[in-house]
């Protein structure tokens, strides 16, 4: 891993952590801290498991910078499931995902630039004017596509945050993240190779649908509460 890539990867962790701290509830209860920890652990595990199942990467290489192109996708799914399972087990009904959505989008901006410097997650050969030279050919800069998409997602979430119900920011994150993945994924070099492409596309479609469901559920809850208060 080269120095710029390492620095951007470290920045992704710090930026994501700072954004979560800045926009999370002022004081998370002990139960919510446990749920958040469960989400982080589950996200880390499923991120690596997804890479192993999709591409057969040996466990000894799962931390290698050239691997991990789908760790964000696997991490989002696993982290969300981990938090929701922990919340249900502890009887927590408070929406907790909005700050996570903002943190994930902000962190991904820097993480994808790190991918660009590390040479992982690279695109298919292309002659577009903005092509970059990597791995012996001019290619789509898919890492930068993803970084730009993450920056746009973060901006949209920030604009939507004061205008939508609690829990809907995270739903919007899921929809936008999955939608951009479905658009960008076909430009990646490893798209269409073995099981990896099917796993990534299916997971993105599932996240998109889940985002729509969460959005609708939160809308229903808010409407019900308003009627009860009328």
Protein backbone atom coordinates (compact mmCIF):
# COMPACT_ATOMS: atom_id res chain seq x y z
CA UNK A 1 0.00 0.00 0.00
CA UNK A 2 1.51 3.35 -1.00
CA UNK A 3 1.59 6.34 1.34
CA UNK A 4 -1.20 8.42 -0.28
CA UNK A 5 -3.51 5.42 -0.30
CA UNK A 6 -2.73 4.68 3.34
CA UNK A 7 -3.32 8.30 4.36
CA UNK A 8 -6.66 8.47 2.58
CA UNK A 9 -7.76 5.18 4.13
CA UNK A 10 -6.88 6.50 7.58
CA UNK A 11 -8.67 9.76 6.77
CA UNK A 12 -11.78 7.76 5.80
CA UNK A 13 -11.92 6.23 9.28
CA UNK A 14 -11.39 9.53 11.07
CA UNK A 15 -13.83 11.47 8.89
CA UNK A 16 -16.50 8.79 9.21
CA UNK A 17 -16.02 8.66 12.98
CA UNK A 18 -16.13 12.45 13.33
CA UNK A 19 -19.30 12.77 11.23
CA UNK A 20 -21.01 10.06 13.28
CA UNK A 21 -19.97 11.75 16.54
CA UNK A 22 -21.16 15.12 15.22
CA UNK A 23 -24.60 14.01 14.06
CA UNK A 24 -25.45 11.15 16.41
CA UNK A 25 -27.68 11.73 19.40
CA UNK A 26 -25.87 13.90 21.92
CA UNK A 27 -25.70 11.06 24.41
CA UNK A 28 -26.24 7.52 23.23
CA UNK A 29 -27.66 5.28 25.90
CA UNK A 30 -25.62 2.30 27.04
CA UNK A 31 -27.95 0.02 25.07
CA UNK A 32 -27.50 2.04 21.89
CA UNK A 33 -23.72 1.97 22.31
CA UNK A 34 -23.91 -1.81 22.49
CA UNK A 35 -26.07 -1.89 19.36
CA UNK A 36 -23.60 0.38 17.53
CA UNK A 37 -20.70 -1.86 18.56
CA UNK A 38 -22.59 -4.92 17.30
CA UNK A 39 -23.11 -3.16 13.99
CA UNK A 40 -19.41 -2.31 13.63
CA UNK A 41 -18.35 -5.87 14.39
CA UNK A 42 -20.97 -7.41 12.11
CA UNK A 43 -20.08 -4.98 9.33
CA UNK A 44 -16.38 -5.81 9.51
CA UNK A 45 -17.05 -9.54 9.47
CA UNK A 46 -19.56 -9.53 6.62
CA UNK A 47 -17.36 -7.20 4.59
CA UNK A 48 -14.59 -9.77 4.58
CA UNK A 49 -16.96 -12.71 4.24
CA UNK A 50 -18.50 -11.11 1.14
CA UNK A 51 -15.07 -10.77 -0.44
CA UNK A 52 -14.29 -14.41 0.30
CA UNK A 53 -17.60 -15.74 -1.05
CA UNK A 54 -17.65 -13.54 -4.14
CA UNK A 55 -14.03 -13.82 -5.25
CA UNK A 56 -12.55 -16.65 -3.21
CA UNK A 57 -9.91 -14.38 -1.70
CA UNK A 58 -7.89 -16.44 0.83
CA UNK A 59 -8.40 -15.28 4.40
CA UNK A 60 -4.67 -14.61 4.64
CA UNK A 61 -5.05 -11.89 1.98
CA UNK A 62 -8.27 -10.26 3.12
CA UNK A 63 -6.43 -7.23 4.46
CA UNK A 64 -4.35 -6.82 1.30
CA UNK A 65 -5.00 -3.40 -0.34
CA UNK A 66 -5.69 -4.94 -3.75
CA UNK A 67 -8.68 -6.77 -2.33
CA UNK A 68 -11.78 -5.46 -0.64
CA UNK A 69 -13.63 -3.88 -3.55
CA UNK A 70 -16.95 -5.01 -2.18
CA UNK A 71 -16.20 -4.59 1.49
CA UNK A 72 -18.24 -1.40 1.70
CA UNK A 73 -21.27 -3.11 0.22
CA UNK A 74 -20.90 -6.12 2.50
CA UNK A 75 -20.15 -3.88 5.47
CA UNK A 76 -23.27 -1.75 4.97
CA UNK A 77 -25.50 -4.81 4.82
CA UNK A 78 -23.86 -6.62 7.72
CA UNK A 79 -23.59 -3.53 9.89
CA UNK A 80 -27.24 -2.65 9.39
CA UNK A 81 -28.38 -6.19 10.15
CA UNK A 82 -26.12 -6.31 13.20
CA UNK A 83 -27.55 -3.10 14.65
CA UNK A 84 -31.15 -4.10 13.99
CA UNK A 85 -30.72 -7.56 15.52
CA UNK A 86 -29.06 -6.07 18.60
CA UNK A 87 -31.80 -3.44 18.93
CA UNK A 88 -34.55 -6.03 18.66
CA UNK A 89 -32.83 -8.24 21.22
CA UNK A 90 -32.62 -5.30 23.67
CA UNK A 91 -36.09 -3.99 22.89
CA UNK A 92 -34.91 -0.69 21.36
CA UNK A 93 -37.26 0.99 18.92
CA UNK A 94 -35.48 4.32 18.45
CA UNK A 95 -34.22 4.91 14.85
CA UNK A 96 -30.40 4.96 14.92
CA UNK A 97 -29.32 4.89 11.30
CA UNK A 98 -29.32 8.54 10.21
CA UNK A 99 -25.89 9.37 11.65
CA UNK A 100 -24.52 6.07 10.26
CA UNK A 101 -25.69 7.01 6.77
CA UNK A 102 -23.95 10.38 6.94
CA UNK A 103 -20.77 8.82 8.37
CA UNK A 104 -20.63 6.07 5.75
CA UNK A 105 -21.06 8.52 2.86
CA UNK A 106 -18.44 10.93 4.21
CA UNK A 107 -15.94 8.18 4.93
CA UNK A 108 -16.39 6.58 1.53
CA UNK A 109 -15.33 9.77 -0.25
CA UNK A 110 -11.84 9.45 1.22
CA UNK A 111 -11.79 5.67 1.13
CA UNK A 112 -12.46 5.58 -2.60
CA UNK A 113 -9.69 8.09 -3.26
CA UNK A 114 -7.50 5.72 -1.27
CA UNK A 115 -8.61 2.94 -3.64
CA UNK A 116 -7.51 5.10 -6.57
CA UNK A 117 -3.98 5.48 -5.17
CA UNK A 118 -3.80 1.82 -4.16
CA UNK A 119 -4.88 0.69 -7.64
CA UNK A 120 -7.73 -1.49 -6.41
CA UNK A 121 -11.39 -1.44 -7.52
CA UNK A 122 -10.20 -0.34 -10.99
CA UNK A 123 -12.35 0.05 -14.08
CA UNK A 124 -12.61 -1.56 -17.47
CA UNK A 125 -10.40 -0.40 -20.37
CA UNK A 126 -11.83 2.72 -21.97
CA UNK A 127 -10.94 5.58 -24.31
CA UNK A 128 -13.07 8.22 -22.59
CA UNK A 129 -11.23 11.58 -22.26
CA UNK A 130 -11.01 11.22 -18.48
CA UNK A 131 -9.61 7.67 -18.53
CA UNK A 132 -6.71 6.92 -16.18
CA UNK A 133 -3.77 4.61 -16.79
CA UNK A 134 -3.78 1.67 -14.40
CA UNK A 135 -2.77 -1.98 -14.66
CA UNK A 136 -1.35 -1.60 -18.16
CA UNK A 137 -4.31 0.11 -19.83
CA UNK A 138 -6.39 3.29 -19.95
CA UNK A 139 -9.44 2.64 -17.83
CA UNK A 140 -12.62 4.10 -16.38
CA UNK A 141 -11.67 5.80 -13.07
CA UNK A 142 -14.33 3.85 -11.19
CA UNK A 143 -12.74 4.68 -7.83
CA UNK A 144 -13.24 8.38 -8.56
CA UNK A 145 -16.77 7.72 -9.84
CA UNK A 146 -17.54 6.15 -6.46
CA UNK A 147 -15.87 9.00 -4.56
CA UNK A 148 -17.92 11.58 -6.48
CA UNK A 149 -21.09 9.56 -5.89
CA UNK A 150 -20.37 9.39 -2.15
CA UNK A 151 -19.79 13.15 -2.01
CA UNK A 152 -23.08 13.74 -3.80
CA UNK A 153 -24.89 11.33 -1.47
CA UNK A 154 -23.49 13.12 1.59
CA UNK A 155 -24.61 16.49 0.20
CA UNK A 156 -28.13 15.21 -0.51
CA UNK A 157 -28.39 13.69 2.96
CA UNK A 158 -27.30 16.94 4.59
CA UNK A 159 -29.91 18.88 2.62
CA UNK A 160 -32.62 16.32 3.40
CA UNK A 161 -31.78 15.91 7.09
CA UNK A 162 -33.82 18.85 8.46
CA UNK A 163 -36.72 18.12 6.11
CA UNK A 164 -37.44 14.43 6.63
CA UNK A 165 -38.50 12.22 9.52
CA UNK A 166 -36.09 10.46 11.84
CA UNK A 167 -34.88 7.28 10.16
CA UNK A 168 -35.54 8.50 6.64
CA UNK A 169 -32.03 9.90 6.16
CA UNK A 170 -30.65 6.39 6.49
CA UNK A 171 -33.33 5.07 4.14
CA UNK A 172 -32.32 7.72 1.62
CA UNK A 173 -28.69 6.70 2.05
CA UNK A 174 -29.53 3.08 1.29
CA UNK A 175 -31.43 4.03 -1.86
CA UNK A 176 -28.76 6.39 -3.18
CA UNK A 177 -25.83 4.14 -2.28
CA UNK A 178 -27.43 1.11 -3.92
CA UNK A 179 -28.57 3.09 -6.95
CA UNK A 180 -25.09 4.45 -7.63
CA UNK A 181 -23.58 0.99 -7.14
CA UNK A 182 -25.92 -0.43 -9.76
CA UNK A 183 -24.80 2.30 -12.18
CA UNK A 184 -21.05 2.18 -11.47
CA UNK A 185 -20.57 -1.57 -11.01
CA UNK A 186 -20.75 -2.47 -14.77
CA UNK A 187 -17.78 -0.16 -15.44
CA UNK A 188 -15.53 -2.14 -13.09
CA UNK A 189 -13.02 -4.60 -14.49
CA UNK A 190 -14.25 -7.49 -12.36
CA UNK A 191 -17.91 -7.02 -13.28
CA UNK A 192 -19.31 -10.11 -14.98
CA UNK A 193 -16.54 -12.37 -13.69
CA UNK A 194 -17.92 -15.39 -11.88
CA UNK A 195 -20.16 -15.10 -8.87
CA UNK A 196 -18.81 -11.69 -7.86
CA UNK A 197 -20.97 -9.67 -10.25
CA UNK A 198 -24.18 -11.49 -9.35
CA UNK A 199 -23.55 -11.08 -5.62
CA UNK A 200 -22.81 -7.37 -5.94
CA UNK A 201 -25.77 -6.61 -8.20
CA UNK A 202 -28.21 -8.67 -6.15
CA UNK A 203 -27.02 -7.09 -2.91
CA UNK A 204 -27.32 -3.59 -4.37
CA UNK A 205 -30.85 -4.29 -5.61
CA UNK A 206 -31.79 -5.68 -2.19
CA UNK A 207 -30.43 -2.58 -0.46
CA UNK A 208 -32.35 -0.33 -2.84
CA UNK A 209 -35.58 -2.16 -2.07
CA UNK A 210 -34.81 -2.12 1.65
CA UNK A 211 -34.32 1.64 1.51
CA UNK A 212 -37.71 2.10 -0.11
CA UNK A 213 -39.35 -0.09 2.54
CA UNK A 214 -37.68 1.77 5.43
CA UNK A 215 -38.68 5.12 3.93
CA UNK A 216 -42.30 4.03 3.62
CA UNK A 217 -42.35 2.57 7.13
CA UNK A 218 -41.00 5.77 8.66
CA UNK A 219 -43.54 7.81 6.69
CA UNK A 220 -46.33 5.60 8.03
CA UNK A 221 -45.09 5.96 11.62
CA UNK A 222 -44.90 9.75 11.35
CA UNK A 223 -48.38 9.97 9.82
CA UNK A 224 -49.80 7.80 12.61
CA UNK A 225 -48.18 9.90 15.31
CA UNK A 226 -49.52 13.09 13.77
CA UNK A 227 -53.05 11.69 13.65
CA UNK A 228 -52.82 10.63 17.28
CA UNK A 229 -51.63 14.08 18.28
CA UNK A 230 -54.34 15.87 16.29
